[in-house]
Amino acid sequence: MNELRRKILNQGGFVAAIAAIGFPFTALSEWPEKAFTANSMEDALNALIGTTESAEGDIVIKAPTIAENGAVVPITVTSNIQGTESISVVVIENPQPLIASFDLIDSAPYVSTRIKMAKTSNVVAIVSADGKFYNSTAEIKVTIGGCGG
């Protein structure tokens, strides 16, 4: 087979495969970079949700009270608030406090992940439900920091 023809077929197949799976260019363009690079919780929340105002809500944070290694801290956040649309996790003492933000579409109001913590800090879960924001806080003590400290 002609080498040029082979390259064209390979590249055409790649483009067709990307088009077939619906590569999420739109989703990538909506990534809130400013929120994830902010240096304070207030700046991160203003960039992500447009406010720092939230009320205490029925949110359960399941995490160890003492984490020996801050590089890998398992955390589970469950919202018992009707109409939960998103769950975000903030570690106040981290250099970039916004750790994760999950948009929940037709799914259970529950997220589980592993986070990195620089040092002992309060972890705040922010839940968006029906246009309102709710929070819950848990302190996690870290014996060895996971952010190079």
Foldseek 3Di string as FASTA:
>chain_A
DDPVVVVVVVVVVVVVVCVVVVPPPVVVVPPQPQLQQDQAPQRNCCSVPNGPDAAAAQKDKDWDQEAAALQWTKIKIAHPDPQWFKKWKFWGPDRRGTFDIDGDDPDHRMDIDITHFQAWTKMKMWTDGPNHIHIDIGTHGYNHHNPPD
